Amino acid sequence: MTTCYLYTGQSEWWQVIVLLVLFILVLVGAYYVTRLFGRFQIKKGSSQNIHQLESISVGPQKFIQLIKIGDEYILIGITKDKITFLKEIDKNDIDLSKYNKEKIAQVTPFNKQLEKFLGKK
C-alpha cells in the first residue's frame, strides 16, 4: 500500500508543477499582449492637430477643457452624456508659456513615468 500512496503523491506534484508552468506562461503572455495594446493606444492617441491643454473638474463627471485645434483654442464642457462648445479663446488671453510644440507632441513612455513616480533617475 505504501507504493500506491507514493505514486499518487508524485502524480499530484506533477499536476502542481504543470499548473505552475501554465500559470507563468499565461502571465508572460498577458504581459506581452498588454505591451502590444499599449503601443497601439499611444499611436492611436497621438495627434498633430488636436491637443488637450488643460482640464478642470467642476463636479462629478463634469469637466471644462481647453483644447487646441490647429491654431484655435476652444473651451468645451464635458459631462457623462454630452460635450458642449463653450467659447473660442483668443491666443492672447491665455498663458501659453508652459506649452511648447515639443512638450505637447511628446508622449512620455510608461516606464519613464513610473521611474519618475518611484523617484528613480
C-alpha atoms as a PDB file:
ATOM      1  CA  MET A   1       0.000   0.000   0.000  1.00  0.00           C
ATOM      2  CA  THR A   2       2.907   2.368   0.566  1.00  0.00           C
ATOM      3  CA  THR A   3       3.812   2.353  -3.131  1.00  0.00           C
ATOM      4  CA  CYS A   4       0.241   3.282  -4.040  1.00  0.00           C
ATOM      5  CA  TYR A   5       0.427   6.444  -1.880  1.00  0.00           C
ATOM      6  CA  LEU A   6       3.849   7.295  -3.288  1.00  0.00           C
ATOM      7  CA  TYR A   7       2.535   7.067  -6.849  1.00  0.00           C
ATOM      8  CA  THR A   8      -0.480   9.234  -6.022  1.00  0.00           C
ATOM      9  CA  GLY A   9       1.767  11.848  -4.357  1.00  0.00           C
ATOM     10  CA  GLN A  10       4.080  12.016  -7.361  1.00  0.00           C
ATOM     11  CA  SER A  11       1.132  12.428  -9.699  1.00  0.00           C
ATOM     12  CA  GLU A  12      -0.183  15.345  -7.635  1.00  0.00           C
ATOM     13  CA  TRP A  13       3.247  17.019  -7.649  1.00  0.00           C
ATOM     14  CA  TRP A  14       3.446  16.771 -11.430  1.00  0.00           C
ATOM     15  CA  GLN A  15      -0.003  18.340 -11.685  1.00  0.00           C
ATOM     16  CA  VAL A  16       1.102  21.226  -9.444  1.00  0.00           C
ATOM     17  CA  ILE A  17       4.264  21.751 -11.486  1.00  0.00           C
ATOM     18  CA  VAL A  18       2.339  21.687 -14.785  1.00  0.00           C
ATOM     19  CA  LEU A  19      -0.237  24.151 -13.426  1.00  0.00           C
ATOM     20  CA  LEU A  20       2.539  26.436 -12.161  1.00  0.00           C
ATOM     21  CA  VAL A  21       4.248  26.398 -15.576  1.00  0.00           C
ATOM     22  CA  LEU A  22       0.931  27.132 -17.301  1.00  0.00           C
ATOM     23  CA  PHE A  23       0.263  29.997 -14.878  1.00  0.00           C
ATOM     24  CA  ILE A  24       3.685  31.516 -15.605  1.00  0.00           C
ATOM     25  CA  LEU A  25       3.075  31.178 -19.364  1.00  0.00           C
ATOM     26  CA  VAL A  26      -0.283  32.962 -19.010  1.00  0.00           C
ATOM     27  CA  LEU A  27       1.370  35.781 -17.033  1.00  0.00           C
ATOM     28  CA  VAL A  28       4.130  36.206 -19.636  1.00  0.00           C
ATOM     29  CA  GLY A  29       1.551  36.155 -22.443  1.00  0.00           C
ATOM     30  CA  ALA A  30      -0.591  38.747 -20.660  1.00  0.00           C
ATOM     31  CA  TYR A  31       2.472  40.977 -20.216  1.00  0.00           C
ATOM     32  CA  TYR A  32       3.322  40.957 -23.925  1.00  0.00           C
ATOM     33  CA  VAL A  33      -0.294  41.400 -25.046  1.00  0.00           C
ATOM     34  CA  THR A  34      -0.638  44.386 -22.684  1.00  0.00           C
ATOM     35  CA  ARG A  35       2.512  45.954 -24.129  1.00  0.00           C
ATOM     36  CA  LEU A  36       1.194  45.415 -27.654  1.00  0.00           C
ATOM     37  CA  PHE A  37      -2.130  47.111 -26.867  1.00  0.00           C
ATOM     38  CA  GLY A  38      -0.319  49.908 -25.018  1.00  0.00           C
ATOM     39  CA  ARG A  39       1.783  50.723 -28.067  1.00  0.00           C
ATOM     40  CA  PHE A  40      -1.331  50.691 -30.236  1.00  0.00           C
ATOM     41  CA  GLN A  41      -3.114  53.106 -27.874  1.00  0.00           C
ATOM     42  CA  ILE A  42      -0.157  55.530 -27.845  1.00  0.00           C
ATOM     43  CA  LYS A  43      -0.126  55.601 -31.650  1.00  0.00           C
ATOM     44  CA  LYS A  44      -3.900  55.937 -31.751  1.00  0.00           C
ATOM     45  CA  GLY A  45      -3.961  58.717 -29.148  1.00  0.00           C
ATOM     46  CA  SER A  46      -1.280  60.889 -30.694  1.00  0.00           C
ATOM     47  CA  SER A  47      -2.412  63.709 -32.949  1.00  0.00           C
ATOM     48  CA  GLN A  48      -0.680  66.536 -34.743  1.00  0.00           C
ATOM     49  CA  ASN A  49      -3.662  68.892 -34.859  1.00  0.00           C
ATOM     50  CA  ILE A  50      -5.695  68.326 -31.694  1.00  0.00           C
ATOM     51  CA  HIS A  51      -4.253  68.720 -28.184  1.00  0.00           C
ATOM     52  CA  GLN A  52      -5.893  68.855 -24.772  1.00  0.00           C
ATOM     53  CA  LEU A  53      -4.046  71.603 -22.939  1.00  0.00           C
ATOM     54  CA  GLU A  54      -5.861  71.804 -19.619  1.00  0.00           C
ATOM     55  CA  SER A  55      -8.763  70.180 -17.837  1.00  0.00           C
ATOM     56  CA  ILE A  56     -10.522  71.036 -14.601  1.00  0.00           C
ATOM     57  CA  SER A  57     -13.243  69.131 -12.773  1.00  0.00           C
ATOM     58  CA  VAL A  58     -16.303  71.189 -11.879  1.00  0.00           C
ATOM     59  CA  GLY A  59     -18.337  68.342 -10.423  1.00  0.00           C
ATOM     60  CA  PRO A  60     -18.775  64.604 -10.541  1.00  0.00           C
ATOM     61  CA  GLN A  61     -18.097  63.535 -14.130  1.00  0.00           C
ATOM     62  CA  LYS A  62     -18.170  67.173 -15.302  1.00  0.00           C
ATOM     63  CA  PHE A  63     -15.108  68.858 -16.785  1.00  0.00           C
ATOM     64  CA  ILE A  64     -14.103  72.030 -18.563  1.00  0.00           C
ATOM     65  CA  GLN A  65     -11.277  71.520 -21.048  1.00  0.00           C
ATOM     66  CA  LEU A  66      -9.098  73.867 -23.039  1.00  0.00           C
ATOM     67  CA  ILE A  67      -8.426  72.302 -26.437  1.00  0.00           C
ATOM     68  CA  LYS A  68      -6.049  73.440 -29.169  1.00  0.00           C
ATOM     69  CA  ILE A  69      -7.281  72.549 -32.645  1.00  0.00           C
ATOM     70  CA  GLY A  70      -4.857  73.721 -35.290  1.00  0.00           C
ATOM     71  CA  ASP A  71      -4.220  77.364 -34.358  1.00  0.00           C
ATOM     72  CA  GLU A  72      -7.505  77.860 -32.481  1.00  0.00           C
ATOM     73  CA  TYR A  73      -8.120  77.487 -28.754  1.00  0.00           C
ATOM     74  CA  ILE A  74     -11.550  76.237 -27.741  1.00  0.00           C
ATOM     75  CA  LEU A  75     -13.165  75.843 -24.333  1.00  0.00           C
ATOM     76  CA  ILE A  76     -15.553  72.881 -24.058  1.00  0.00           C
ATOM     77  CA  GLY A  77     -17.700  71.405 -21.317  1.00  0.00           C
ATOM     78  CA  ILE A  78     -17.790  67.646 -20.917  1.00  0.00           C
ATOM     79  CA  THR A  79     -20.380  65.675 -18.975  1.00  0.00           C
ATOM     80  CA  LYS A  80     -21.190  62.000 -18.845  1.00  0.00           C
ATOM     81  CA  ASP A  81     -23.660  62.311 -21.718  1.00  0.00           C
ATOM     82  CA  LYS A  82     -22.500  65.168 -23.941  1.00  0.00           C
ATOM     83  CA  ILE A  83     -19.818  67.637 -24.984  1.00  0.00           C
ATOM     84  CA  THR A  84     -20.761  71.311 -25.232  1.00  0.00           C
ATOM     85  CA  PHE A  85     -18.917  74.099 -27.049  1.00  0.00           C
ATOM     86  CA  LEU A  86     -18.489  76.958 -24.578  1.00  0.00           C
ATOM     87  CA  LYS A  87     -16.253  79.586 -26.135  1.00  0.00           C
ATOM     88  CA  GLU A  88     -13.415  80.210 -28.543  1.00  0.00           C
ATOM     89  CA  ILE A  89     -10.474  81.678 -26.643  1.00  0.00           C
ATOM     90  CA  ASP A  90      -8.133  84.281 -28.122  1.00  0.00           C
ATOM     91  CA  LYS A  91      -4.489  83.222 -28.063  1.00  0.00           C
ATOM     92  CA  ASN A  92      -3.506  86.424 -26.270  1.00  0.00           C
ATOM     93  CA  ASP A  93      -5.956  85.815 -23.402  1.00  0.00           C
ATOM     94  CA  ILE A  94      -4.227  82.688 -22.095  1.00  0.00           C
ATOM     95  CA  ASP A  95      -0.745  81.950 -20.789  1.00  0.00           C
ATOM     96  CA  LEU A  96       0.935  79.614 -23.259  1.00  0.00           C
ATOM     97  CA  SER A  97       4.446  79.884 -21.839  1.00  0.00           C
ATOM     98  CA  LYS A  98       4.429  76.358 -20.401  1.00  0.00           C
ATOM     99  CA  TYR A  99       3.180  74.824 -23.651  1.00  0.00           C
ATOM    100  CA  ASN A 100       5.626  74.417 -26.461  1.00  0.00           C
ATOM    101  CA  LYS A 101       5.281  72.213 -29.512  1.00  0.00           C
ATOM    102  CA  GLU A 102       7.818  69.667 -28.273  1.00  0.00           C
ATOM    103  CA  LYS A 103       6.082  69.275 -24.921  1.00  0.00           C
ATOM    104  CA  ILE A 104       2.619  68.928 -26.449  1.00  0.00           C
ATOM    105  CA  ALA A 105       3.656  66.423 -29.107  1.00  0.00           C
ATOM    106  CA  GLN A 106       5.872  64.361 -26.798  1.00  0.00           C
ATOM    107  CA  VAL A 107       4.361  61.269 -25.188  1.00  0.00           C
ATOM    108  CA  THR A 108       6.380  60.012 -22.218  1.00  0.00           C
ATOM    109  CA  PRO A 109       6.708  56.224 -22.154  1.00  0.00           C
ATOM    110  CA  PHE A 110       5.065  54.498 -19.189  1.00  0.00           C
ATOM    111  CA  ASN A 111       8.326  53.125 -17.796  1.00  0.00           C
ATOM    112  CA  LYS A 112       9.791  56.659 -17.614  1.00  0.00           C
ATOM    113  CA  GLN A 113       6.662  57.925 -15.855  1.00  0.00           C
ATOM    114  CA  LEU A 114       6.846  55.022 -13.397  1.00  0.00           C
ATOM    115  CA  GLU A 115      10.524  55.660 -12.664  1.00  0.00           C
ATOM    116  CA  LYS A 116       9.777  59.333 -12.070  1.00  0.00           C
ATOM    117  CA  PHE A 117       6.904  58.399  -9.756  1.00  0.00           C
ATOM    118  CA  LEU A 118       9.065  55.976  -7.797  1.00  0.00           C
ATOM    119  CA  GLY A 119      11.850  58.568  -7.513  1.00  0.00           C
ATOM    120  CA  LYS A 120      14.432  56.809  -9.660  1.00  0.00           C
ATOM    121  CA  LYS A 121      16.539  58.580 -12.245  1.00  0.00           C
END
